[in-house]
Protein backbone atom coordinates (compact mmCIF):
# COMPACT_ATOMS: atom_id res chain seq x y z
CA MET A 1 -19.57 19.23 21.64
CA PRO A 2 -16.46 17.77 22.11
CA ALA A 3 -15.35 14.64 21.81
CA ASP A 4 -14.89 13.51 25.01
CA GLU A 5 -17.98 15.19 26.21
CA ARG A 6 -20.53 13.11 24.15
CA PRO A 7 -23.21 11.02 25.56
CA ARG A 8 -22.53 7.82 25.45
CA PRO A 9 -25.23 4.97 23.68
CA GLY A 10 -27.01 2.89 25.44
CA ARG A 11 -25.92 -0.68 24.93
CA THR A 12 -28.50 -1.36 22.15
CA ALA A 13 -27.49 0.77 20.01
CA THR A 14 -24.09 -0.18 21.03
CA ARG A 15 -25.01 -3.94 19.90
CA ARG A 16 -26.79 -2.87 16.57
CA ALA A 17 -23.82 -0.32 14.96
CA LEU A 18 -21.40 -3.36 16.25
CA GLN A 19 -23.73 -6.35 14.33
CA PRO A 20 -22.87 -5.47 10.86
CA LEU A 21 -19.21 -6.47 11.92
CA TRP A 22 -20.02 -9.56 14.01
CA SER A 23 -22.19 -10.84 11.45
CA ALA A 24 -19.34 -10.25 8.97
CA LEU A 25 -16.93 -11.98 10.74
CA ASP A 26 -19.75 -14.75 11.53
CA ASP A 27 -19.52 -15.27 8.15
CA VAL A 28 -16.51 -15.75 7.62
CA ASP A 29 -15.90 -18.28 10.94
CA GLU A 30 -18.99 -20.33 9.12
CA ARG A 31 -17.82 -20.67 5.54
CA CYS A 32 -14.23 -22.02 6.36
CA ALA A 33 -12.51 -22.81 9.54
CA VAL A 34 -9.88 -19.98 9.04
CA LEU A 35 -10.66 -18.66 11.92
CA ALA A 36 -11.32 -21.46 14.32
CA ARG A 37 -8.33 -21.39 16.13
CA GLY A 38 -7.88 -16.83 16.55
CA ALA A 39 -6.31 -14.72 14.06
CA VAL A 40 -3.69 -11.97 13.93
CA LEU A 41 -5.66 -8.37 13.87
CA ALA A 42 -3.73 -5.81 11.85
CA VAL A 43 -4.26 -2.69 13.46
CA SER A 44 -3.06 0.56 12.46
CA GLY A 45 -4.30 2.92 14.90
CA GLY A 46 -6.89 4.29 11.91
CA PRO A 47 -10.04 4.31 12.80
CA ASP A 48 -11.20 1.60 10.09
CA SER A 49 -8.53 -0.93 11.96
CA ARG A 50 -9.93 -0.13 15.41
CA ALA A 51 -13.30 -0.84 14.43
CA LEU A 52 -11.89 -4.59 13.59
CA LEU A 53 -9.94 -4.06 16.80
CA GLU A 54 -13.30 -3.13 19.05
CA ALA A 55 -15.53 -4.99 17.32
CA ALA A 56 -13.28 -8.61 17.09
CA ALA A 57 -12.48 -8.06 21.05
CA ARG A 58 -16.54 -7.92 22.11
CA TRP A 59 -17.24 -10.46 18.74
CA PRO A 60 -19.44 -12.68 20.61
CA ARG A 61 -17.84 -15.60 19.72
CA ARG A 62 -14.42 -14.82 20.93
CA ALA A 63 -14.33 -17.47 23.68
CA GLY A 64 -11.19 -19.68 23.10
CA ARG A 65 -9.54 -17.51 20.32
CA ALA A 66 -6.66 -16.28 20.02
CA LEU A 67 -6.59 -13.00 18.69
CA VAL A 68 -3.00 -11.05 18.52
CA VAL A 69 -3.13 -7.44 17.45
CA VAL A 70 -0.49 -6.09 15.31
CA ALA A 71 0.70 -3.03 14.13
CA VAL A 72 3.80 -2.57 11.77
CA ASP A 73 5.87 0.34 12.22
CA HIS A 74 7.72 0.92 8.94
CA GLY A 75 10.01 3.85 10.63
CA ARG A 76 8.51 6.22 7.59
CA ARG A 77 7.11 9.53 10.31
CA ALA A 78 8.67 10.04 13.82
CA THR A 79 5.26 9.53 15.21
CA ALA A 80 5.19 5.94 13.98
CA ALA A 81 6.88 4.40 17.02
CA VAL A 82 4.29 6.32 19.57
CA GLU A 83 0.78 5.30 17.40
CA ALA A 84 2.11 1.64 16.66
CA ASP A 85 2.55 1.77 20.85
CA ALA A 86 -0.99 3.61 21.23
CA VAL A 87 -2.25 0.33 19.18
CA VAL A 88 -0.80 -2.11 21.51
CA ALA A 89 -1.98 -0.94 24.79
CA ARG A 90 -5.56 -0.28 23.82
CA ALA A 91 -5.34 -4.00 22.57
CA ARG A 92 -3.76 -5.14 26.06
CA LEU A 93 -6.73 -2.70 27.61
CA LEU A 94 -8.95 -4.94 26.05
CA GLY A 95 -7.94 -8.41 27.32
CA LEU A 96 -6.09 -9.23 24.09
CA THR A 97 -2.36 -9.74 23.18
CA GLY A 98 -0.45 -7.06 21.40
CA GLU A 99 2.80 -6.89 19.17
CA VAL A 100 4.87 -4.19 17.54
CA ARG A 101 6.60 -5.15 14.18
CA VAL A 102 8.94 -2.60 13.05
CA VAL A 103 9.98 -3.28 9.42
CA ALA A 104 12.14 -1.50 7.16
CA PRO A 105 12.05 -2.36 3.48
CA HIS A 106 14.16 -1.74 0.58
CA ARG A 107 11.72 0.39 -1.43
CA GLY A 108 9.18 3.06 -0.21
CA ASP A 109 6.65 2.34 -2.92
CA GLU A 110 3.26 1.41 -1.27
CA ALA A 111 3.51 -2.31 -2.81
CA SER A 112 6.89 -2.77 -1.14
CA LEU A 113 5.66 -1.52 1.96
CA ARG A 114 2.44 -4.01 1.88
CA ARG A 115 4.72 -6.61 0.75
CA ALA A 116 6.91 -6.00 3.80
CA ARG A 117 3.71 -5.60 6.31
CA HIS A 118 2.09 -8.45 4.94
CA ALA A 119 5.16 -11.04 5.67
CA ALA A 120 5.29 -9.40 9.19
CA LEU A 121 2.10 -10.36 9.86
CA ARG A 122 2.42 -13.50 8.72
CA ALA A 123 5.55 -14.14 10.55
CA VAL A 124 3.56 -13.37 13.75
CA ALA A 125 0.76 -15.62 13.23
CA GLY A 126 3.08 -18.38 12.55
CA ASP A 127 5.18 -17.39 15.79
CA TYR A 128 1.69 -18.26 17.35
CA GLY A 129 0.31 -20.89 15.56
CA LEU A 130 -2.46 -19.08 13.33
CA GLY A 131 -3.81 -19.36 10.67
CA ALA A 132 -4.92 -16.14 9.54
CA VAL A 133 -4.28 -12.26 9.44
CA VAL A 134 -7.62 -10.27 9.22
CA PHE A 135 -7.78 -6.75 7.89
CA ALA A 136 -10.41 -4.02 7.93
CA HIS A 137 -10.32 -3.30 4.39
CA HIS A 138 -14.28 -2.41 3.19
CA ARG A 139 -16.05 -1.15 0.43
CA GLY A 140 -14.70 2.09 0.09
CA ASP A 141 -10.89 0.55 -0.15
CA VAL A 142 -12.40 -1.53 -2.98
CA ALA A 143 -13.89 1.47 -4.61
CA GLU A 144 -10.53 3.12 -4.22
CA GLY A 145 -8.19 0.07 -5.98
CA VAL A 146 -10.76 0.85 -8.85
CA LEU A 147 -9.95 4.17 -9.51
CA LEU A 148 -6.06 3.50 -8.79
CA HIS A 149 -6.31 1.07 -11.35
CA LEU A 150 -7.47 3.21 -14.24
CA THR A 151 -5.94 6.21 -13.15
CA GLY A 152 -3.04 4.69 -13.79
CA LEU A 153 -1.58 4.99 -9.86
CA GLY A 154 -1.74 1.77 -8.56
CA GLY A 155 -4.05 -0.89 -8.57
CA GLY A 156 -1.73 -4.11 -8.24
CA ARG A 157 -4.87 -7.00 -9.16
CA GLY A 158 -6.07 -4.89 -11.84
CA GLY A 159 -8.80 -3.02 -9.78
CA ALA A 160 -10.46 -6.78 -8.83
CA ALA A 161 -11.55 -6.54 -5.25
CA PRO A 162 -9.23 -9.33 -3.40
CA PRO A 163 -11.99 -11.89 -2.00
CA ILE A 164 -13.09 -12.50 1.66
CA VAL A 165 -10.63 -15.21 2.44
CA ALA A 166 -7.73 -15.04 0.23
CA PRO A 167 -5.43 -18.63 -0.27
CA ALA A 168 -2.88 -19.16 2.39
CA VAL A 169 0.93 -18.11 2.33
CA GLU A 170 3.20 -19.80 4.01
CA GLY A 171 0.54 -21.68 5.59
CA VAL A 172 -1.54 -18.02 6.61
CA ALA A 173 -4.57 -16.71 4.98
CA ALA A 174 -5.67 -12.88 4.43
CA VAL A 175 -8.94 -12.13 5.78
CA ARG A 176 -10.70 -9.03 4.93
CA PRO A 177 -14.64 -9.55 6.46
CA PHE A 178 -15.50 -6.14 5.94
CA LEU A 179 -15.14 -6.06 2.14
CA ALA A 180 -19.37 -5.96 1.62
CA LEU A 181 -19.38 -3.27 4.65
CA PRO A 182 -19.44 0.78 3.90
CA LYS A 183 -17.32 3.30 5.87
CA ALA A 184 -19.86 4.60 7.66
CA THR A 185 -20.55 1.34 9.13
CA LEU A 186 -16.99 0.83 10.92
CA ARG A 187 -17.08 4.55 11.48
CA ALA A 188 -20.92 4.25 13.63
CA ALA A 189 -19.70 0.77 15.17
CA LEU A 190 -16.45 3.23 17.03
CA ASP A 191 -19.05 5.81 17.79
CA SER A 192 -21.25 3.57 19.31
CA LEU A 193 -18.64 2.88 21.86
CA ALA A 194 -17.33 6.37 22.31
CA VAL A 195 -13.98 5.46 20.95
CA HIS A 196 -11.99 8.30 20.52
CA ASP A 197 -8.75 8.33 20.92
CA VAL A 198 -7.74 6.67 17.07
CA VAL A 199 -4.35 7.42 17.20
CA VAL A 200 -4.21 8.07 13.05
CA ASP A 201 -6.76 9.98 11.00
CA GLU A 202 -6.47 8.01 7.32
CA ASP A 203 -8.72 10.38 6.27
CA ASP A 204 -5.94 13.30 6.49
CA ASP A 205 -3.15 11.42 4.11
CA ALA A 206 -4.17 13.65 1.10
CA GLY A 207 -0.33 14.67 0.48
CA ARG A 208 1.34 11.26 1.59
CA ASN A 209 0.31 8.96 -1.21
CA ALA A 210 -1.66 7.94 -4.74
CA ARG A 211 -4.27 7.09 -2.44
CA GLY A 212 -5.36 9.60 -0.08
CA TRP A 213 -4.60 12.08 -2.95
CA LEU A 214 -7.47 10.51 -4.83
CA ARG A 215 -9.70 10.11 -2.07
CA HIS A 216 -8.88 14.01 -1.68
CA ALA A 217 -9.28 14.85 -4.45
CA VAL A 218 -11.51 12.45 -6.14
CA LEU A 219 -14.25 11.51 -3.78
CA HIS A 220 -14.77 13.36 -1.15
CA PRO A 221 -16.19 16.23 -3.11
CA LEU A 222 -18.85 13.95 -4.22
CA GLY A 223 -20.81 14.94 -1.24
CA GLU A 224 -24.04 12.30 -0.87
CA ARG A 225 -23.50 10.90 -4.42
CA ARG A 226 -20.37 8.97 -3.16
CA SER A 227 -21.75 6.22 -0.90
CA THR A 228 -23.70 5.22 -4.18
CA VAL A 229 -20.50 5.48 -6.57
CA GLU A 230 -18.17 3.56 -4.31
CA ALA A 231 -20.78 0.83 -4.65
CA ALA A 232 -21.34 0.61 -8.11
CA LEU A 233 -17.48 0.85 -8.22
CA ALA A 234 -17.19 -2.05 -5.34
CA ARG A 235 -19.87 -4.13 -7.84
CA HIS A 236 -17.75 -3.62 -11.02
CA ALA A 237 -14.46 -4.96 -8.88
CA ARG A 238 -16.43 -8.11 -8.03
CA HIS A 239 -17.14 -8.81 -11.37
CA LEU A 240 -13.40 -8.41 -12.48
CA ARG A 241 -12.53 -10.44 -9.69
CA GLU A 242 -14.80 -13.26 -10.87
CA ASP A 243 -13.87 -13.08 -14.28
CA ASP A 244 -10.00 -12.92 -13.76
CA ASP A 245 -10.91 -16.03 -11.29
CA ALA A 246 -12.34 -17.86 -14.42
CA LEU A 247 -9.59 -16.78 -16.73
CA GLU A 248 -6.68 -17.20 -13.73
CA ALA A 249 -7.83 -21.00 -14.15
CA LEU A 250 -6.84 -21.34 -17.77
CA VAL A 251 -3.45 -19.69 -17.78
CA PRO A 252 -0.73 -22.11 -18.25
CA ASP A 253 1.37 -22.84 -15.17
CA VAL A 254 4.80 -23.49 -17.32
CA ALA A 255 7.34 -21.33 -17.87
CA VAL A 256 7.41 -20.17 -22.07
CA VAL A 257 4.15 -19.82 -23.16
CA ASP A 258 3.44 -19.49 -27.21
CA ALA A 259 3.32 -16.09 -28.32
CA ARG A 260 -0.35 -16.65 -30.12
CA LEU A 261 -2.14 -17.27 -26.60
CA SER A 262 -5.06 -15.46 -26.58
CA PRO A 263 -4.18 -11.36 -24.90
CA ALA A 264 -6.88 -11.92 -21.98
CA LEU A 265 -4.62 -15.14 -20.56
CA LEU A 266 -1.00 -13.90 -21.90
CA ARG A 267 -1.78 -10.84 -20.18
CA ARG A 268 -2.47 -12.94 -16.77
CA TRP A 269 0.56 -15.54 -17.59
CA LEU A 270 2.73 -12.25 -17.85
CA ARG A 271 1.13 -10.81 -14.64
CA ARG A 272 1.85 -13.97 -12.94
CA ARG A 273 5.61 -14.56 -13.81
CA ILE A 274 6.62 -11.20 -13.10
CA ALA A 275 5.45 -11.11 -9.52
CA GLY A 276 7.73 -13.69 -8.65
CA PHE A 277 10.62 -11.10 -9.78
CA ASP A 278 9.30 -8.44 -7.32
CA ALA A 279 9.47 -5.95 -9.84
CA ASP A 280 7.63 -2.55 -9.57
CA PRO A 281 4.41 -2.77 -9.57
CA ARG A 282 3.72 0.94 -11.27
CA THR A 283 5.42 -0.20 -14.62
CA ALA A 284 4.73 -3.38 -14.79
CA PRO A 285 1.07 -3.15 -15.84
CA ALA A 286 2.48 -0.84 -19.19
CA ALA A 287 5.17 -3.59 -19.75
CA ILE A 288 2.08 -5.94 -19.83
CA GLU A 289 0.78 -4.21 -22.79
CA ALA A 290 4.15 -3.67 -24.83
CA VAL A 291 4.62 -7.01 -24.74
CA LEU A 292 1.19 -7.70 -26.47
CA ARG A 293 2.13 -5.43 -28.87
CA LEU A 294 5.00 -7.31 -29.59
CA ALA A 295 2.94 -10.18 -30.05
CA ALA A 296 0.17 -8.34 -31.88
CA GLU A 297 2.97 -7.38 -34.74
CA GLY A 298 4.51 -10.55 -34.77
CA ARG A 299 8.36 -9.53 -33.27
CA THR A 300 10.45 -10.62 -31.17
CA GLY A 301 12.16 -8.50 -28.64
CA GLU A 302 12.01 -7.92 -24.50
CA VAL A 303 10.80 -5.19 -22.70
CA ALA A 304 12.87 -4.49 -19.25
CA LEU A 305 12.25 -4.57 -15.69
CA ARG A 306 13.45 -3.81 -11.96
CA GLY A 307 14.85 -7.15 -11.76
CA CYS A 308 13.34 -9.23 -15.39
CA ARG A 309 13.41 -9.33 -18.69
CA ALA A 310 9.77 -10.19 -20.72
CA GLN A 311 11.12 -11.90 -23.74
CA ILE A 312 9.34 -12.69 -27.07
CA ARG A 313 11.71 -14.78 -29.03
CA ALA A 314 11.81 -16.89 -32.16
CA SER A 315 11.04 -21.18 -31.58
CA ALA A 316 10.62 -23.96 -33.67
CA ASP A 317 6.36 -23.28 -33.82
CA GLY A 318 6.22 -19.36 -34.38
CA HIS A 319 7.73 -17.17 -31.39
CA GLU A 320 7.19 -17.89 -27.42
CA VAL A 321 7.10 -15.66 -24.46
CA ALA A 322 9.38 -16.01 -21.23
CA VAL A 323 10.32 -13.68 -18.22
CA VAL A 324 13.94 -14.29 -17.07
CA PRO A 325 15.81 -12.93 -14.75
CA SER A 326 17.92 -9.56 -15.80
CA PRO A 327 21.47 -9.69 -15.80
CA PRO A 328 23.18 -8.93 -12.07
CA HIS A 329 24.94 -5.85 -13.62
CA ASP A 330 21.40 -4.50 -14.99
CA ASP A 331 21.57 -1.33 -13.11
CA ARG A 332 18.06 -0.24 -14.47
CA THR A 333 15.36 1.51 -11.70
CA GLY A 334 12.45 -0.29 -13.29
CA ARG A 335 11.42 2.07 -16.56
CA ALA A 336 9.83 -0.25 -18.84
CA GLN A 337 11.94 0.06 -22.21
CA ARG A 338 11.67 -2.14 -25.33
CA SER A 339 14.12 -3.35 -27.79
CA PHE A 340 13.30 -5.25 -30.76
CA ARG A 341 15.31 -7.65 -32.51
CA GLY A 342 14.87 -8.92 -35.54
CA ASN A 343 12.85 -7.99 -38.35
CA PRO A 344 8.17 -8.38 -37.82
CA GLY A 345 7.70 -12.17 -38.57
CA ALA A 346 10.92 -13.05 -37.69
């Protein structure tokens, strides 16, 4: 039966399908006041973010809250502008404010695109006096993050799951209420509304990026076992986040640390310092491990990344680790390079 001829489910079935999404929004609303004034909804036009849009527009607690739908256009595809306009048109039809933000990041890697997109969303939230941006990330996204990290294809958080409510950046918190929900639950919500005008099929991006390739090459072939595997990976990601949170609290907030710091803490300190220089996240993990090897070998030396250099240098008590800006004339493109100075134990 063609999609536009499918029978529309009854109201009871629709409420039942939307309830898990509403309950997730309710949970965030009850745990903290971040949604009290309203929020920006990040909507790409794909089925997951469209489920967020449709559910939030019908959320029983919506009254009195400003919900602003934002579609970010990176200009990477010829149809991006049309897709963004379609998202805004749908938002307005549902009685919400909608905006398109055009962003042209200086690099095309996924991490740079994500940072540029999040900055644009925070800017809109600031314009409207809102304290949160809501994303539609779900359990499958968390599982993919673990696999991206394990395969060396990405995973900027080391495979750890993001928190449902992340600490505010520039006064704006990132909220991901659907992290515990499987993708099928979001799709069921759209089906219950007979929504068939999703403008971007995120399952058709097999060749565009590492996440799309992994989804098609690794997860799709799992068939019926995919849900079980994704649940296990997502559980592992939550445990990683808990471990990271505990260790992060022990990391010294200083510019220079003793090279004898435990590898677990030194790794997290380096990750935090390197991130401040906008280093390429694809090369940062290898660079960090190179620094740890230098420290374990008792050597001085450095690892060069784009924008910064991680150094192990002699100190009065032995060796210390620092992350410093690269010289202005340094034209490295982000390949981690190790150069030794001195001798073992120097």
